[in-house]
Amino acid sequence: MEGAAVVYETMRGWRTDISSARSFAELPTEAQVYVLRIEELVGVPVRYISVGPRREQLIDRGQR
């Protein structure tokens, strides 16, 4: 990690309860933008998004 630089990026948050969301479209716009930015930074799609501690509180974005 020698030569690596830490880069902080500020993004808008959300206060909406997302625990009942079962699709990407049901997430607040700010949460969608956050996930898309992670994909952009790491260069791979985010398939699963956990929206709570229970097994069924999971959004599966499928193969894209």
N, C-alpha and C. Protein backbone atom coordinates (compact mmCIF):
# COMPACT_ATOMS: atom_id res chain seq x y z
N MET A 1 0.83 -1.20 0.00
CA MET A 1 0.00 0.00 0.00
C MET A 1 0.87 1.26 0.00
N GLU A 2 2.16 1.06 -0.14
CA GLU A 2 3.05 2.21 -0.20
C GLU A 2 2.70 3.06 -1.42
N GLY A 3 2.63 4.33 -1.21
CA GLY A 3 2.29 5.23 -2.29
C GLY A 3 0.81 5.45 -2.46
N ALA A 4 0.00 4.73 -1.70
CA ALA A 4 -1.46 4.91 -1.79
C ALA A 4 -1.86 6.19 -1.06
N ALA A 5 -2.87 6.83 -1.56
CA ALA A 5 -3.37 8.05 -0.95
C ALA A 5 -4.83 7.87 -0.56
N VAL A 6 -5.17 8.36 0.60
CA VAL A 6 -6.56 8.31 1.06
C VAL A 6 -7.31 9.47 0.43
N VAL A 7 -8.46 9.17 -0.14
CA VAL A 7 -9.30 10.20 -0.73
C VAL A 7 -10.67 10.11 -0.08
N TYR A 8 -11.09 11.19 0.55
CA TYR A 8 -12.41 11.24 1.17
C TYR A 8 -13.37 11.92 0.22
N GLU A 9 -14.56 11.39 0.16
CA GLU A 9 -15.59 11.95 -0.71
C GLU A 9 -16.86 12.12 0.11
N THR A 10 -17.44 13.29 0.06
CA THR A 10 -18.68 13.56 0.78
C THR A 10 -19.87 13.33 -0.15
N MET A 11 -20.85 12.59 0.37
CA MET A 11 -22.05 12.31 -0.40
C MET A 11 -23.28 12.62 0.45
N ARG A 12 -24.39 12.85 -0.21
CA ARG A 12 -25.64 13.10 0.51
C ARG A 12 -26.11 11.82 1.18
N GLY A 13 -26.65 11.95 2.36
CA GLY A 13 -27.19 10.81 3.08
C GLY A 13 -28.70 10.75 2.96
N TRP A 14 -29.32 9.87 3.73
CA TRP A 14 -30.78 9.75 3.74
C TRP A 14 -31.23 9.37 5.14
N ARG A 15 -32.41 9.79 5.50
CA ARG A 15 -32.97 9.49 6.82
C ARG A 15 -34.17 8.56 6.70
N THR A 16 -34.49 8.15 5.50
CA THR A 16 -35.62 7.28 5.24
C THR A 16 -35.30 5.86 5.70
N ASP A 17 -36.28 5.20 6.30
CA ASP A 17 -36.12 3.79 6.68
C ASP A 17 -36.14 2.95 5.40
N ILE A 18 -35.05 2.24 5.15
CA ILE A 18 -34.95 1.43 3.94
C ILE A 18 -35.15 -0.06 4.21
N SER A 19 -35.49 -0.41 5.43
CA SER A 19 -35.55 -1.83 5.82
C SER A 19 -36.63 -2.62 5.08
N SER A 20 -37.61 -1.96 4.51
CA SER A 20 -38.66 -2.69 3.78
C SER A 20 -38.41 -2.68 2.27
N ALA A 21 -37.35 -2.02 1.81
CA ALA A 21 -37.04 -1.98 0.38
C ALA A 21 -36.65 -3.37 -0.09
N ARG A 22 -37.18 -3.79 -1.23
CA ARG A 22 -36.85 -5.10 -1.79
C ARG A 22 -36.35 -4.99 -3.22
N SER A 23 -36.22 -3.77 -3.69
CA SER A 23 -35.66 -3.55 -5.02
C SER A 23 -34.82 -2.27 -4.99
N PHE A 24 -33.89 -2.18 -5.92
CA PHE A 24 -33.03 -1.00 -6.01
C PHE A 24 -33.87 0.26 -6.20
N ALA A 25 -34.93 0.16 -6.99
CA ALA A 25 -35.80 1.30 -7.28
C ALA A 25 -36.53 1.81 -6.04
N GLU A 26 -36.71 0.95 -5.03
CA GLU A 26 -37.39 1.35 -3.80
C GLU A 26 -36.47 2.11 -2.84
N LEU A 27 -35.18 2.13 -3.11
CA LEU A 27 -34.25 2.86 -2.26
C LEU A 27 -34.35 4.35 -2.55
N PRO A 28 -34.06 5.20 -1.55
CA PRO A 28 -34.02 6.64 -1.81
C PRO A 28 -32.96 6.95 -2.88
N THR A 29 -33.17 8.00 -3.62
CA THR A 29 -32.23 8.39 -4.67
C THR A 29 -30.81 8.48 -4.14
N GLU A 30 -30.63 9.04 -2.94
CA GLU A 30 -29.29 9.19 -2.37
C GLU A 30 -28.62 7.84 -2.15
N ALA A 31 -29.39 6.84 -1.74
CA ALA A 31 -28.84 5.50 -1.54
C ALA A 31 -28.46 4.87 -2.87
N GLN A 32 -29.28 5.08 -3.88
CA GLN A 32 -28.96 4.57 -5.22
C GLN A 32 -27.67 5.20 -5.74
N VAL A 33 -27.53 6.50 -5.57
CA VAL A 33 -26.32 7.21 -6.01
C VAL A 33 -25.10 6.68 -5.27
N TYR A 34 -25.25 6.39 -3.98
CA TYR A 34 -24.16 5.84 -3.18
C TYR A 34 -23.69 4.48 -3.74
N VAL A 35 -24.63 3.60 -4.01
CA VAL A 35 -24.30 2.28 -4.54
C VAL A 35 -23.64 2.40 -5.92
N LEU A 36 -24.18 3.25 -6.76
CA LEU A 36 -23.60 3.44 -8.09
C LEU A 36 -22.18 4.00 -8.01
N ARG A 37 -21.93 4.86 -7.04
CA ARG A 37 -20.58 5.41 -6.87
C ARG A 37 -19.61 4.33 -6.40
N ILE A 38 -20.04 3.46 -5.51
CA ILE A 38 -19.20 2.34 -5.08
C ILE A 38 -18.83 1.48 -6.28
N GLU A 39 -19.82 1.18 -7.12
CA GLU A 39 -19.56 0.39 -8.32
C GLU A 39 -18.52 1.07 -9.21
N GLU A 40 -18.66 2.37 -9.36
CA GLU A 40 -17.73 3.13 -10.19
C GLU A 40 -16.31 3.08 -9.62
N LEU A 41 -16.20 3.20 -8.32
CA LEU A 41 -14.88 3.23 -7.68
C LEU A 41 -14.18 1.87 -7.70
N VAL A 42 -14.92 0.80 -7.48
CA VAL A 42 -14.29 -0.53 -7.41
C VAL A 42 -14.29 -1.25 -8.75
N GLY A 43 -15.09 -0.78 -9.69
CA GLY A 43 -15.08 -1.36 -11.03
C GLY A 43 -15.82 -2.67 -11.18
N VAL A 44 -16.66 -3.00 -10.22
CA VAL A 44 -17.49 -4.21 -10.31
C VAL A 44 -18.90 -3.88 -9.84
N PRO A 45 -19.90 -4.60 -10.35
CA PRO A 45 -21.27 -4.34 -9.91
C PRO A 45 -21.52 -4.80 -8.48
N VAL A 46 -22.36 -4.08 -7.78
CA VAL A 46 -22.82 -4.48 -6.45
C VAL A 46 -24.07 -5.31 -6.67
N ARG A 47 -24.01 -6.58 -6.33
CA ARG A 47 -25.16 -7.45 -6.56
C ARG A 47 -26.12 -7.44 -5.39
N TYR A 48 -25.60 -7.50 -4.17
CA TYR A 48 -26.45 -7.60 -2.98
C TYR A 48 -26.33 -6.34 -2.14
N ILE A 49 -27.48 -5.86 -1.66
CA ILE A 49 -27.53 -4.71 -0.77
C ILE A 49 -28.34 -5.12 0.45
N SER A 50 -27.71 -5.10 1.61
CA SER A 50 -28.42 -5.43 2.84
C SER A 50 -29.11 -4.17 3.36
N VAL A 51 -30.38 -4.31 3.71
CA VAL A 51 -31.14 -3.17 4.22
C VAL A 51 -31.61 -3.41 5.66
N GLY A 52 -31.06 -4.43 6.30
CA GLY A 52 -31.42 -4.75 7.68
C GLY A 52 -30.75 -6.03 8.12
N PRO A 53 -30.94 -6.41 9.38
CA PRO A 53 -30.26 -7.58 9.93
C PRO A 53 -30.89 -8.93 9.55
N ARG A 54 -32.12 -8.93 9.08
CA ARG A 54 -32.80 -10.18 8.77
C ARG A 54 -32.44 -10.69 7.38
N ARG A 55 -32.46 -11.99 7.23
CA ARG A 55 -32.08 -12.63 5.96
C ARG A 55 -32.89 -12.10 4.78
N GLU A 56 -34.18 -11.86 4.99
CA GLU A 56 -35.03 -11.40 3.89
C GLU A 56 -34.86 -9.90 3.59
N GLN A 57 -34.10 -9.20 4.40
CA GLN A 57 -33.87 -7.77 4.18
C GLN A 57 -32.65 -7.60 3.28
N LEU A 58 -32.80 -8.10 2.06
CA LEU A 58 -31.71 -8.12 1.10
C LEU A 58 -32.24 -7.79 -0.28
N ILE A 59 -31.56 -6.92 -0.96
CA ILE A 59 -31.89 -6.61 -2.35
C ILE A 59 -30.88 -7.34 -3.22
N ASP A 60 -31.38 -8.18 -4.11
CA ASP A 60 -30.53 -8.91 -5.06
C ASP A 60 -30.70 -8.23 -6.41
N ARG A 61 -29.67 -7.56 -6.85
CA ARG A 61 -29.73 -6.85 -8.13
C ARG A 61 -29.50 -7.77 -9.32
N GLY A 62 -29.22 -9.04 -9.07
CA GLY A 62 -29.05 -10.02 -10.14
C GLY A 62 -27.80 -9.80 -10.97
N GLN A 63 -27.64 -10.66 -11.94
CA GLN A 63 -26.51 -10.56 -12.86
C GLN A 63 -26.78 -9.40 -13.81
N ARG A 64 -25.83 -8.49 -13.90
CA ARG A 64 -25.99 -7.36 -14.83
C ARG A 64 -24.81 -7.27 -15.74
